Amino acid sequence: MFKKIFVLFAPLILSFSYSVSAQDRLFTYTQQSNVLENGQKELEISNTFRTGKSIFYNRLDNRTEFEVGLGKNVQTAFYLNFTSMSFEENNSGVKSISSEHELSFANEWKYKISDPVANPLGFALYGEYTIGAKEYDAEFKIILDKKIKDITMAFNLVGEIEYEAKIDKNEFGWNKNKKVELYYSLAYQLTKNFHLTFEAINRNLFDTEDLQGSALFAGLGFSYVKNSFWVNFTVLPQITSFKGATNNNLNLKDYEKLETRLIFSYEF
């Protein structure tokens, strides 16, 4: 059943033993409809590194997540989010490197309606809110997925509303942004433990009602699972801009040139 092993990943694959676990996600960006069983718990660490704008810019997002299955196809999760940014500033012609750090809390709820194997299509609904010192966020997802033999496919439609505190003309106010994003992912099972993955994302940023920026990201990754542990990794470059291009048909004002994401988890 598992006949092909890509040469690029052969040393990594051969170093792993072949055991199976009930992994709830294969992708680093795209959600699947699976939820934890009643009483199952999972500790998940996510690290996203973003780099490359029209000026110097690096950003590291860390999310520490505790998931728990509540039964009846429902799971919830609690996040502690930490973000660190370094970027170039230009003050009256004098350039410098500045840094910012942010801490926030998030809570997720997910409800599975149908299964990607037992039913024609897996279907789940997802909601998450985030509370930070100067920012509030609400996110909603429609999750579709399907598993056919060695191939798993997933699609997410994501809507997000963000309120960020601001000072404009010496007056306090809130800056409201909307995001609409489309996620498509494909995974091919190479062994019992190892999947090769592909993910594509269309990100769209709205300032009030007008489209401010839009870009397509796509890249390859892998997913590995052993017993109660799994790890996913993806390299996700920006492919092209549909709105707000600044350099070589890329939008480097609203988005970064390159992202990488590593997620690892332990179920107990």
Protein backbone atom coordinates (compact mmCIF):
# COMPACT_ATOMS: atom_id res chain seq x y z
CA MET A 1 0.00 0.00 0.00
CA PHE A 2 2.85 2.33 0.84
CA LYS A 3 5.20 1.84 -2.10
CA LYS A 4 6.70 5.26 -2.80
CA ILE A 5 9.10 7.18 -0.60
CA PHE A 6 10.37 10.51 -1.85
CA VAL A 7 14.17 10.67 -1.90
CA LEU A 8 14.16 14.11 -0.27
CA PHE A 9 12.58 12.75 2.91
CA ALA A 10 14.09 9.24 2.84
CA PRO A 11 16.68 9.76 5.63
CA LEU A 12 14.04 11.30 7.87
CA ILE A 13 11.48 8.60 7.19
CA LEU A 14 13.89 5.71 7.73
CA SER A 15 14.85 7.07 11.13
CA PHE A 16 11.27 6.72 12.39
CA SER A 17 9.56 3.57 13.63
CA TYR A 18 6.20 2.69 12.11
CA SER A 19 3.42 3.16 14.62
CA VAL A 20 -0.02 4.75 14.26
CA SER A 21 -1.90 7.30 16.32
CA ALA A 22 -5.22 9.07 16.05
CA GLN A 23 -3.80 12.37 14.85
CA ASP A 24 -6.44 15.11 14.66
CA ARG A 25 -4.65 17.29 12.06
CA LEU A 26 -2.23 16.80 9.18
CA PHE A 27 -1.87 20.45 8.16
CA THR A 28 -0.31 23.44 9.88
CA TYR A 29 -2.70 26.11 8.58
CA THR A 30 -5.85 24.27 7.43
CA GLN A 31 -8.24 22.79 9.97
CA GLN A 32 -9.86 19.35 9.58
CA SER A 33 -13.26 18.26 10.87
CA ASN A 34 -11.90 15.75 13.42
CA VAL A 35 -12.37 16.48 17.14
CA LEU A 36 -10.96 14.84 20.25
CA GLU A 37 -13.01 12.13 21.93
CA ASN A 38 -14.71 12.80 25.26
CA GLY A 39 -12.03 13.24 27.93
CA GLN A 40 -9.08 13.25 25.50
CA LYS A 41 -6.58 16.05 26.13
CA GLU A 42 -3.83 17.47 23.95
CA LEU A 43 -1.05 20.00 24.50
CA GLU A 44 -0.11 21.72 21.24
CA ILE A 45 2.71 24.21 20.55
CA SER A 46 2.64 26.28 17.35
CA ASN A 47 5.50 28.48 16.08
CA THR A 48 5.11 30.70 13.01
CA PHE A 49 8.06 32.71 11.64
CA ARG A 50 7.33 35.47 9.11
CA THR A 51 9.93 37.50 7.26
CA GLY A 52 10.35 39.83 4.28
CA LYS A 53 8.49 43.09 3.73
CA SER A 54 9.36 46.19 1.74
CA ILE A 55 11.52 47.08 4.77
CA PHE A 56 13.33 44.86 7.29
CA TYR A 57 10.73 42.84 9.21
CA ASN A 58 10.78 39.62 11.25
CA ARG A 59 7.95 38.22 13.36
CA LEU A 60 7.62 35.13 15.56
CA ASP A 61 4.19 33.96 16.75
CA ASN A 62 4.03 31.33 19.48
CA ARG A 63 0.74 29.69 20.52
CA THR A 64 0.53 27.29 23.46
CA GLU A 65 -2.76 25.44 23.27
CA PHE A 66 -4.56 23.05 25.62
CA GLU A 67 -7.33 21.07 23.86
CA VAL A 68 -9.97 18.88 25.47
CA GLY A 69 -12.74 16.74 23.99
CA LEU A 70 -16.15 17.33 25.59
CA GLY A 71 -18.09 14.54 23.89
CA LYS A 72 -21.01 14.74 21.44
CA ASN A 73 -18.58 15.88 18.69
CA VAL A 74 -17.54 19.02 20.58
CA GLN A 75 -14.07 20.15 21.61
CA THR A 76 -12.72 23.33 23.13
CA ALA A 77 -9.24 24.78 23.50
CA PHE A 78 -7.47 27.53 25.44
CA TYR A 79 -4.50 29.44 24.02
CA LEU A 80 -1.74 31.61 25.40
CA ASN A 81 -0.33 33.63 22.49
CA PHE A 82 3.00 35.46 22.42
CA THR A 83 4.17 37.58 19.48
CA SER A 84 7.60 39.19 19.02
CA MET A 85 8.37 41.57 16.13
CA SER A 86 11.50 43.39 14.92
CA PHE A 87 11.22 45.98 12.17
CA GLU A 88 12.92 48.94 10.54
CA GLU A 89 11.85 52.48 11.46
CA ASN A 90 12.72 55.74 9.74
CA ASN A 91 12.45 58.86 11.91
CA SER A 92 13.31 62.01 9.95
CA GLY A 93 15.82 60.10 7.84
CA VAL A 94 17.38 58.27 10.79
CA LYS A 95 16.87 54.51 10.52
CA SER A 96 16.73 52.16 13.49
CA ILE A 97 15.51 48.69 14.48
CA SER A 98 12.57 48.54 16.87
CA SER A 99 10.89 45.64 18.61
CA GLU A 100 7.39 44.98 19.93
CA HIS A 101 5.98 42.18 22.06
CA GLU A 102 2.34 41.18 22.52
CA LEU A 103 0.56 38.72 24.79
CA SER A 104 -3.02 37.52 24.39
CA PHE A 105 -5.51 34.82 25.39
CA ALA A 106 -7.82 32.87 23.07
CA ASN A 107 -10.61 30.33 23.39
CA GLU A 108 -11.74 27.99 20.59
CA TRP A 109 -14.91 25.94 20.11
CA LYS A 110 -15.33 23.30 17.41
CA TYR A 111 -18.37 21.20 16.49
CA LYS A 112 -18.12 18.22 14.15
CA ILE A 113 -21.25 17.61 12.07
CA SER A 114 -20.11 14.82 9.72
CA ASP A 115 -17.10 12.54 9.28
CA PRO A 116 -14.63 12.61 6.32
CA VAL A 117 -14.51 8.79 6.13
CA ALA A 118 -17.94 7.54 7.24
CA ASN A 119 -19.84 10.31 5.43
CA PRO A 120 -19.54 11.70 1.88
CA LEU A 121 -17.89 14.83 3.31
CA GLY A 122 -16.46 15.86 6.65
CA PHE A 123 -18.04 19.06 7.98
CA ALA A 124 -17.35 21.13 11.10
CA LEU A 125 -17.97 24.63 12.46
CA TYR A 126 -15.30 26.55 14.35
CA GLY A 127 -15.31 29.74 16.42
CA GLU A 128 -12.52 31.51 18.30
CA TYR A 129 -12.18 34.77 20.21
CA THR A 130 -8.94 36.49 21.25
CA ILE A 131 -8.40 39.10 23.97
CA GLY A 132 -5.21 41.17 24.07
CA ALA A 133 -4.03 44.34 25.79
CA LYS A 134 -4.94 46.54 22.81
CA GLU A 135 -6.69 44.18 20.41
CA TYR A 136 -9.86 42.06 20.28
CA ASP A 137 -10.53 39.44 17.64
CA ALA A 138 -13.31 37.04 16.59
CA GLU A 139 -12.79 34.29 14.00
CA PHE A 140 -15.24 31.88 12.36
CA LYS A 141 -14.51 28.89 10.10
CA ILE A 142 -16.45 26.52 7.89
CA ILE A 143 -14.42 23.31 7.63
CA LEU A 144 -14.80 20.69 4.88
CA ASP A 145 -12.58 17.65 4.37
CA LYS A 146 -12.47 14.24 2.73
CA LYS A 147 -10.23 11.18 3.05
CA ILE A 148 -9.97 8.78 0.08
CA LYS A 149 -7.47 5.96 0.59
CA ASP A 150 -4.03 7.61 0.96
CA ILE A 151 -5.23 11.13 0.10
CA THR A 152 -6.72 13.68 2.50
CA MET A 153 -8.15 16.98 1.27
CA ALA A 154 -9.41 19.92 3.33
CA PHE A 155 -10.99 23.32 2.64
CA ASN A 156 -11.64 26.19 5.07
CA LEU A 157 -13.64 29.37 4.60
CA VAL A 158 -12.51 31.83 7.29
CA GLY A 159 -13.94 35.16 8.38
CA GLU A 160 -12.31 37.38 10.99
CA ILE A 161 -13.14 40.71 12.63
CA GLU A 162 -10.41 42.61 14.46
CA TYR A 163 -10.61 45.70 16.67
CA GLU A 164 -7.35 47.45 17.51
CA ALA A 165 -6.94 50.47 19.79
CA LYS A 166 -5.54 53.59 18.11
CA ILE A 167 -4.89 57.30 18.64
CA ASP A 168 -5.97 59.46 15.68
CA LYS A 169 -5.54 63.25 15.81
CA ASN A 170 -5.03 63.03 19.57
CA GLU A 171 -8.31 61.15 19.97
CA PHE A 172 -8.73 57.55 21.14
CA GLY A 173 -10.61 55.16 18.87
CA TRP A 174 -10.79 51.66 17.44
CA ASN A 175 -9.46 50.53 14.08
CA LYS A 176 -11.71 47.83 12.59
CA ASN A 177 -10.33 45.33 10.07
CA LYS A 178 -12.01 42.40 8.36
CA LYS A 179 -10.31 39.35 6.89
CA VAL A 180 -11.69 36.73 4.52
CA GLU A 181 -9.41 33.77 3.80
CA LEU A 182 -9.67 30.60 1.72
CA TYR A 183 -7.58 27.54 2.62
CA TYR A 184 -7.05 24.42 0.51
CA SER A 185 -4.80 21.54 1.54
CA LEU A 186 -3.82 18.13 0.23
CA ALA A 187 -1.94 15.33 2.04
CA TYR A 188 -0.56 12.08 0.63
CA GLN A 189 0.23 9.25 3.03
CA LEU A 190 3.67 7.84 2.30
CA THR A 191 3.90 5.52 5.32
CA LYS A 192 1.85 4.74 8.41
CA ASN A 193 3.54 7.64 10.15
CA PHE A 194 4.40 10.13 7.44
CA HIS A 195 2.41 12.41 5.10
CA LEU A 196 3.67 14.82 2.46
CA THR A 197 1.47 17.93 2.47
CA PHE A 198 0.57 20.89 0.26
CA GLU A 199 -1.24 24.02 1.44
CA ALA A 200 -2.56 27.08 -0.42
CA ILE A 201 -4.09 30.20 1.15
CA ASN A 202 -5.81 33.22 -0.40
CA ARG A 203 -5.72 36.05 2.16
CA ASN A 204 -7.91 39.14 1.81
CA LEU A 205 -7.75 42.19 4.09
CA PHE A 206 -10.56 44.76 4.22
CA ASP A 207 -10.33 48.27 5.67
CA THR A 208 -13.99 48.94 6.57
CA GLU A 209 -15.72 47.73 3.37
CA ASP A 210 -12.91 48.19 0.83
CA LEU A 211 -10.41 45.50 -0.17
CA GLN A 212 -7.01 46.72 1.01
CA GLY A 213 -4.80 43.73 0.24
CA SER A 214 -5.03 40.26 -1.28
CA ALA A 215 -2.35 37.62 -1.86
CA LEU A 216 -1.88 33.94 -2.64
CA PHE A 217 0.43 31.76 -0.55
CA ALA A 218 1.32 28.13 -1.31
CA GLY A 219 3.93 25.65 -0.14
CA LEU A 220 4.94 22.13 0.83
CA GLY A 221 5.35 20.45 4.19
CA PHE A 222 5.14 17.18 6.06
CA SER A 223 3.29 15.55 8.94
CA TYR A 224 4.73 12.84 11.19
CA VAL A 225 3.01 10.92 13.99
CA LYS A 226 4.28 8.37 16.51
CA ASN A 227 2.06 7.03 19.28
CA SER A 228 0.72 10.10 21.15
CA PHE A 229 3.12 12.58 19.53
CA TRP A 230 2.86 14.35 16.17
CA VAL A 231 4.66 17.17 14.38
CA ASN A 232 3.68 19.20 11.30
CA PHE A 233 5.85 21.61 9.30
CA THR A 234 5.14 23.86 6.30
CA VAL A 235 7.13 26.37 4.24
CA LEU A 236 4.69 28.92 2.80
CA PRO A 237 6.04 31.60 0.41
CA GLN A 238 3.87 34.35 -1.06
CA ILE A 239 3.26 33.44 -4.71
CA THR A 240 1.50 36.53 -6.05
CA SER A 241 -0.55 39.56 -5.06
CA PHE A 242 -4.08 40.27 -6.30
CA LYS A 243 -4.29 43.66 -4.56
CA GLY A 244 -1.68 45.99 -3.11
CA ALA A 245 1.42 44.75 -4.95
CA THR A 246 4.59 46.58 -3.88
CA ASN A 247 7.51 44.53 -5.22
CA ASN A 248 7.79 41.90 -7.99
CA ASN A 249 4.03 41.37 -7.96
CA LEU A 250 4.08 40.64 -4.21
CA ASN A 251 2.19 42.52 -1.50
CA LEU A 252 4.93 43.26 1.03
CA LYS A 253 3.00 46.02 2.79
CA ASP A 254 0.18 43.92 4.26
CA TYR A 255 1.88 40.51 4.14
CA GLU A 256 5.28 38.87 4.36
CA LYS A 257 7.35 37.28 1.61
CA LEU A 258 7.80 33.98 3.47
CA GLU A 259 6.24 32.07 6.36
CA THR A 260 7.22 28.84 8.04
CA ARG A 261 5.15 27.05 10.67
CA LEU A 262 6.08 24.21 13.01
CA ILE A 263 3.44 22.57 15.22
CA PHE A 264 4.07 19.72 17.62
CA SER A 265 1.66 18.08 20.03
CA TYR A 266 1.31 15.43 22.71
CA GLU A 267 -1.99 13.70 23.49
CA PHE A 268 -2.67 12.37 26.97
